[in-house]
């Protein structure tokens, strides 16, 4: 028998060493996400009221959104409420990520530091179960995580009702948020799916990117001081069905048909353009594009007493 053959019952040293090394390697490489990450995009910086284009709204979701008045945020008991974790995709701030480790070095939890309007997100990595469906819902939600290859996957439930967009588009408290954290060098991408059996007829997809920075991203989580924003206690501003005065904002600004701006699963797909092309007229000049000047979404709408939201 050739000297390089493996005899029955014996293992050559090189092969044994290879097996030993392989046994000690993890099945995947966990990526370090710690540090400060500056926002590449600016979130929902400029919004038009009643613009739900691309949101797969059910009838219930659309009705909820159209009942919303911006002045609800100025109700005294709501001034200091945090947004839920969906604000990661609508807010303007960067991220600061840290990790908590056990004595053996294993990561117990990742923490995404809070903003002035979003409570911190803790992603539990220790295998703890999801709470009961009857457990209280909080602005923070409850998040667990695991690794799929080199992507950290988080799953958030038990959130309170919150914004999909800060123009009144909302999700229900039954929504679940799944996020894939994908790092490529100094670029971090969050790719998310929002499932909501109450307000959405199909999943909503989000993505947002952050660039690693040496500048420390500060944790902006309070304290919040409640102040008078012009709405008295005991009043909840709202619009009754059919009375939202901003339903045609997209049509006035960009000639987008109302049927498109009111959302629905069909508005997520390119084929929808064929359905509305006969009713779309290209505007000669856009007077509300390319800046933060006066226009819808940059300040309180006419007749709405709330100040611009952060």
Protein backbone atom coordinates (compact mmCIF):
# COMPACT_ATOMS: atom_id res chain seq x y z
CA UNK A 1 0.00 0.00 0.00
CA UNK A 2 1.20 3.45 -0.87
CA UNK A 3 2.61 5.39 2.09
CA UNK A 4 0.12 8.23 1.57
CA UNK A 5 -2.90 5.94 1.90
CA UNK A 6 -5.07 6.13 4.98
CA UNK A 7 -4.99 2.82 6.74
CA UNK A 8 -8.14 1.44 8.35
CA UNK A 9 -8.42 2.63 11.95
CA UNK A 10 -5.72 5.24 11.51
CA UNK A 11 -5.78 8.95 10.72
CA UNK A 12 -2.74 10.74 9.42
CA UNK A 13 -1.70 13.80 11.43
CA UNK A 14 -2.44 16.40 8.69
CA UNK A 15 -5.99 15.11 8.27
CA UNK A 16 -6.53 14.97 12.04
CA UNK A 17 -5.30 18.55 12.38
CA UNK A 18 -7.67 19.66 9.61
CA UNK A 19 -10.63 17.97 11.28
CA UNK A 20 -9.72 19.54 14.62
CA UNK A 21 -9.51 23.03 13.13
CA UNK A 22 -12.79 22.57 11.27
CA UNK A 23 -14.54 21.39 14.43
CA UNK A 24 -13.47 24.57 16.23
CA UNK A 25 -14.63 26.92 13.49
CA UNK A 26 -18.17 28.34 13.77
CA UNK A 27 -20.66 27.38 11.08
CA UNK A 28 -20.68 31.04 10.03
CA UNK A 29 -18.73 34.19 10.68
CA UNK A 30 -20.43 36.63 13.04
CA UNK A 31 -19.80 40.17 11.88
CA UNK A 32 -18.91 42.97 14.30
CA UNK A 33 -21.55 45.70 14.05
CA UNK A 34 -20.37 47.88 16.93
CA UNK A 35 -19.59 51.55 16.47
CA UNK A 36 -21.15 54.70 15.12
CA UNK A 37 -22.97 54.73 11.80
CA UNK A 38 -23.98 57.94 10.04
CA UNK A 39 -27.13 57.96 7.96
CA UNK A 40 -26.53 57.91 4.20
CA UNK A 41 -30.12 58.89 3.46
CA UNK A 42 -32.23 61.32 5.46
CA UNK A 43 -35.28 59.19 6.18
CA UNK A 44 -38.66 60.69 5.38
CA UNK A 45 -37.34 64.21 5.29
CA UNK A 46 -39.85 65.84 2.95
CA UNK A 47 -43.37 64.45 2.99
CA UNK A 48 -46.72 65.31 1.56
CA UNK A 49 -49.76 64.64 3.69
CA UNK A 50 -51.93 61.74 2.53
CA UNK A 51 -49.13 60.33 0.32
CA UNK A 52 -49.33 56.57 0.82
CA UNK A 53 -47.97 55.61 -2.59
CA UNK A 54 -46.25 52.23 -2.48
CA UNK A 55 -47.77 51.17 0.84
CA UNK A 56 -49.79 47.94 0.47
CA UNK A 57 -52.69 49.28 2.50
CA UNK A 58 -55.84 47.34 3.24
CA UNK A 59 -59.09 49.28 3.46
CA UNK A 60 -58.68 49.41 7.24
CA UNK A 61 -55.15 50.80 6.96
CA UNK A 62 -56.17 53.48 4.49
CA UNK A 63 -59.12 54.54 6.66
CA UNK A 64 -56.85 54.78 9.69
CA UNK A 65 -54.32 56.92 7.82
CA UNK A 66 -56.93 59.31 6.42
CA UNK A 67 -58.37 59.88 9.90
CA UNK A 68 -55.01 61.16 11.16
CA UNK A 69 -54.39 64.84 11.93
CA UNK A 70 -50.83 66.11 12.45
CA UNK A 71 -52.06 67.90 15.56
CA UNK A 72 -52.43 64.55 17.33
CA UNK A 73 -48.71 64.77 18.13
CA UNK A 74 -49.41 67.94 20.11
CA UNK A 75 -51.93 66.36 22.45
CA UNK A 76 -50.30 66.80 25.92
CA UNK A 77 -50.19 63.10 26.77
CA UNK A 78 -48.55 62.30 23.42
CA UNK A 79 -45.84 64.98 23.31
CA UNK A 80 -43.23 62.73 24.94
CA UNK A 81 -44.25 59.40 23.45
CA UNK A 82 -41.48 57.46 21.71
CA UNK A 83 -41.93 56.16 18.20
CA UNK A 84 -41.68 52.35 17.86
CA UNK A 85 -38.78 50.65 16.08
CA UNK A 86 -40.22 51.31 12.62
CA UNK A 87 -38.82 54.82 13.12
CA UNK A 88 -35.43 53.35 12.15
CA UNK A 89 -36.60 53.75 8.56
CA UNK A 90 -38.30 57.12 8.85
CA UNK A 91 -36.15 59.12 11.25
CA UNK A 92 -33.18 61.30 10.28
CA UNK A 93 -30.57 60.09 12.79
CA UNK A 94 -27.59 57.75 12.67
CA UNK A 95 -26.98 54.58 14.68
CA UNK A 96 -24.80 53.69 17.61
CA UNK A 97 -24.49 49.95 18.08
CA UNK A 98 -22.99 48.17 21.08
CA UNK A 99 -23.00 44.60 22.35
CA UNK A 100 -23.32 42.87 25.72
CA UNK A 101 -21.26 39.70 26.13
CA UNK A 102 -21.24 36.79 28.56
CA UNK A 103 -18.04 35.76 30.42
CA UNK A 104 -17.28 33.26 27.65
CA UNK A 105 -17.36 36.07 25.07
CA UNK A 106 -20.64 35.05 23.49
CA UNK A 107 -22.88 37.97 22.51
CA UNK A 108 -25.99 38.07 24.69
CA UNK A 109 -27.56 41.15 23.09
CA UNK A 110 -26.95 43.88 20.54
CA UNK A 111 -28.23 47.35 21.42
CA UNK A 112 -29.17 50.09 18.97
CA UNK A 113 -28.99 53.26 21.06
CA UNK A 114 -32.10 55.39 21.22
CA UNK A 115 -32.90 58.71 19.59
CA UNK A 116 -34.77 61.61 21.11
CA UNK A 117 -37.97 60.11 19.69
CA UNK A 118 -37.17 56.36 19.53
CA UNK A 119 -36.39 54.14 22.51
CA UNK A 120 -33.32 51.86 22.26
CA UNK A 121 -33.69 48.50 20.52
CA UNK A 122 -32.27 45.48 22.35
CA UNK A 123 -31.77 42.43 20.12
CA UNK A 124 -31.63 39.39 22.39
CA UNK A 125 -29.31 36.68 21.07
CA UNK A 126 -29.56 34.22 23.98
CA UNK A 127 -32.49 32.19 22.66
CA UNK A 128 -35.15 33.60 24.97
CA UNK A 129 -38.69 33.02 23.70
CA UNK A 130 -41.10 35.62 22.41
CA UNK A 131 -43.58 36.90 25.02
CA UNK A 132 -47.17 35.72 25.07
CA UNK A 133 -49.45 37.30 22.49
CA UNK A 134 -51.31 38.80 25.47
CA UNK A 135 -48.18 40.48 26.88
CA UNK A 136 -48.19 44.30 26.98
CA UNK A 137 -47.12 46.12 23.82
CA UNK A 138 -44.45 48.79 24.28
CA UNK A 139 -42.86 51.45 22.06
CA UNK A 140 -39.62 49.46 22.27
CA UNK A 141 -41.26 46.23 21.16
CA UNK A 142 -39.54 42.91 21.89
CA UNK A 143 -36.71 41.80 19.60
CA UNK A 144 -34.80 38.55 19.21
CA UNK A 145 -31.99 37.85 16.77
CA UNK A 146 -29.93 35.15 15.11
CA UNK A 147 -27.29 34.87 12.41
CA UNK A 148 -27.98 33.69 8.88
CA UNK A 149 -24.57 33.43 7.28
CA UNK A 150 -22.96 36.84 7.83
CA UNK A 151 -26.30 38.65 8.24
CA UNK A 152 -27.79 39.46 11.62
CA UNK A 153 -31.54 38.90 11.45
CA UNK A 154 -33.78 40.54 14.07
CA UNK A 155 -37.48 39.96 14.66
CA UNK A 156 -39.57 42.56 16.54
CA UNK A 157 -43.08 42.09 17.88
CA UNK A 158 -45.24 43.65 20.64
CA UNK A 159 -44.91 47.19 19.27
CA UNK A 160 -47.54 49.85 19.77
CA UNK A 161 -49.19 51.44 16.76
CA UNK A 162 -46.67 53.64 14.99
CA UNK A 163 -45.74 55.39 11.77
CA UNK A 164 -44.82 53.86 8.45
CA UNK A 165 -44.32 57.43 7.28
CA UNK A 166 -44.55 60.49 9.46
CA UNK A 167 -47.44 61.90 7.44
CA UNK A 168 -50.08 59.75 9.10
CA UNK A 169 -49.36 56.42 7.40
CA UNK A 170 -49.45 53.94 10.28
CA UNK A 171 -49.10 50.28 11.17
CA UNK A 172 -51.16 48.49 13.81
CA UNK A 173 -50.00 47.02 17.12
CA UNK A 174 -50.12 43.57 15.52
CA UNK A 175 -47.28 44.42 13.10
CA UNK A 176 -44.03 42.43 13.12
CA UNK A 177 -40.72 43.86 11.86
CA UNK A 178 -37.95 41.65 10.45
CA UNK A 179 -34.59 43.33 9.74
CA UNK A 180 -31.48 41.93 8.02
CA UNK A 181 -28.32 43.80 9.10
CA UNK A 182 -25.85 43.49 6.22
CA UNK A 183 -22.34 44.87 6.59
CA UNK A 184 -20.06 45.42 3.59
CA UNK A 185 -16.88 47.08 4.85
CA UNK A 186 -17.81 50.50 6.20
CA UNK A 187 -21.35 50.33 4.80
CA UNK A 188 -24.24 48.93 6.84
CA UNK A 189 -27.55 48.20 5.14
CA UNK A 190 -30.79 47.47 6.97
CA UNK A 191 -33.24 45.52 4.79
CA UNK A 192 -36.61 45.10 6.47
CA UNK A 193 -40.00 43.48 6.04
CA UNK A 194 -43.05 44.80 7.87
CA UNK A 195 -45.95 42.35 8.20
CA UNK A 196 -49.25 43.69 9.49
CA UNK A 197 -52.40 41.52 9.30
CA UNK A 198 -54.64 44.48 10.18
CA UNK A 199 -53.50 47.43 8.04
CA UNK A 200 -51.50 45.81 5.21
CA UNK A 201 -52.67 43.32 2.59
CA UNK A 202 -49.07 42.36 1.70
CA UNK A 203 -45.66 42.78 3.37
CA UNK A 204 -44.04 46.21 3.12
CA UNK A 205 -40.33 46.30 2.26
CA UNK A 206 -37.82 48.90 3.46
CA UNK A 207 -34.10 49.45 3.12
CA UNK A 208 -31.76 52.05 4.56
CA UNK A 209 -27.99 52.45 4.56
CA UNK A 210 -25.50 53.83 7.09
CA UNK A 211 -21.81 54.68 6.71
CA UNK A 212 -19.33 53.96 9.50
CA UNK A 213 -17.95 57.12 11.02
CA UNK A 214 -15.25 58.01 13.54
CA UNK A 215 -17.48 60.76 14.88
CA UNK A 216 -19.38 59.48 17.90
CA UNK A 217 -23.11 59.22 17.26
CA UNK A 218 -24.63 60.47 20.48
CA UNK A 219 -27.47 58.70 22.21
CA UNK A 220 -30.43 61.07 22.10
CA UNK A 221 -32.94 59.44 24.39
CA UNK A 222 -34.16 62.15 26.71
CA UNK A 223 -35.25 63.48 28.96
CA UNK A 224 -38.30 64.80 27.17
CA UNK A 225 -39.99 67.82 28.72
CA UNK A 226 -43.68 68.11 28.01
CA UNK A 227 -44.78 71.52 26.85
CA UNK A 228 -47.85 73.27 25.52
CA UNK A 229 -48.09 72.80 21.75
CA UNK A 230 -51.48 74.40 21.31
CA UNK A 231 -53.85 71.47 21.79
CA UNK A 232 -55.81 71.36 25.04
CA UNK A 233 -56.27 68.24 27.12
CA UNK A 234 -59.24 66.03 26.30
CA UNK A 235 -59.15 66.84 22.56
CA UNK A 236 -57.98 64.34 19.94
CA UNK A 237 -57.70 66.04 16.52
CA UNK A 238 -58.87 63.80 13.68
CA UNK A 239 -60.77 63.68 10.39
CA UNK A 240 -64.02 61.83 9.90
CA UNK A 241 -64.39 59.60 6.81
CA UNK A 242 -64.37 61.65 3.62
CA UNK A 243 -63.30 64.87 5.38
CA UNK A 244 -59.50 64.76 5.11
CA UNK A 245 -58.68 68.02 3.26
CA UNK A 246 -55.27 66.78 2.05
CA UNK A 247 -56.39 63.74 0.11
CA UNK A 248 -55.54 65.42 -3.20
CA UNK A 249 -52.16 66.94 -2.18
CA UNK A 250 -50.18 64.67 -4.53
CA UNK A 251 -52.51 65.50 -7.39
CA UNK A 252 -52.18 69.25 -6.83
CA UNK A 253 -48.39 69.13 -6.46
CA UNK A 254 -47.36 66.56 -9.08
CA UNK A 255 -50.56 65.57 -10.93
CA UNK A 256 -50.34 62.09 -9.39
CA UNK A 257 -53.84 60.56 -9.52
CA UNK A 258 -55.51 60.21 -6.14
CA UNK A 259 -55.98 56.47 -6.74
CA UNK A 260 -52.18 56.12 -6.71
CA UNK A 261 -51.46 58.32 -3.71
CA UNK A 262 -53.92 56.38 -1.57
CA UNK A 263 -51.73 53.29 -1.63
CA UNK A 264 -52.66 49.64 -1.94
CA UNK A 265 -50.61 46.60 -2.95
CA UNK A 266 -50.92 47.41 -6.67
CA UNK A 267 -49.03 50.70 -6.21
CA UNK A 268 -45.87 48.79 -5.23
CA UNK A 269 -45.39 47.32 -8.70
CA UNK A 270 -44.23 48.90 -12.00
CA UNK A 271 -47.27 47.56 -13.85
CA UNK A 272 -49.43 50.04 -11.96
CA UNK A 273 -48.09 52.83 -14.16
CA UNK A 274 -49.95 51.35 -17.12
CA UNK A 275 -53.22 51.62 -15.22
CA UNK A 276 -52.87 55.31 -14.44
CA UNK A 277 -50.99 56.65 -17.47
CA UNK A 278 -54.15 57.91 -19.17
CA UNK A 279 -54.99 59.99 -16.11
CA UNK A 280 -51.51 61.38 -15.56
CA UNK A 281 -50.47 64.75 -16.98
CA UNK A 282 -46.81 65.76 -16.79
CA UNK A 283 -46.45 69.08 -15.00
CA UNK A 284 -44.67 71.92 -16.83
CA UNK A 285 -42.62 72.94 -13.82
CA UNK A 286 -42.34 71.52 -10.35
CA UNK A 287 -42.53 74.31 -7.80
CA UNK A 288 -42.14 72.02 -4.78
CA UNK A 289 -39.10 69.93 -5.69
CA UNK A 290 -35.46 69.81 -4.68
CA UNK A 291 -35.28 71.55 -1.35
CA UNK A 292 -36.60 72.30 2.09
CA UNK A 293 -38.38 75.50 1.19
CA UNK A 294 -42.06 76.21 1.81
CA UNK A 295 -44.35 73.43 0.68
CA UNK A 296 -46.27 70.43 1.93
CA UNK A 297 -44.46 68.35 4.49
CA UNK A 298 -42.10 71.08 5.70
CA UNK A 299 -44.40 72.74 8.17
CA UNK A 300 -47.88 72.62 9.67
CA UNK A 301 -50.59 72.45 7.01
CA UNK A 302 -53.15 75.24 6.78
CA UNK A 303 -55.57 75.06 9.66
CA UNK A 304 -53.39 72.62 11.61
CA UNK A 305 -51.98 74.13 14.78
CA UNK A 306 -49.13 71.69 15.44
CA UNK A 307 -45.52 72.84 14.95
CA UNK A 308 -43.23 71.03 12.49
CA UNK A 309 -42.24 67.64 13.87
CA UNK A 310 -38.59 66.75 14.35
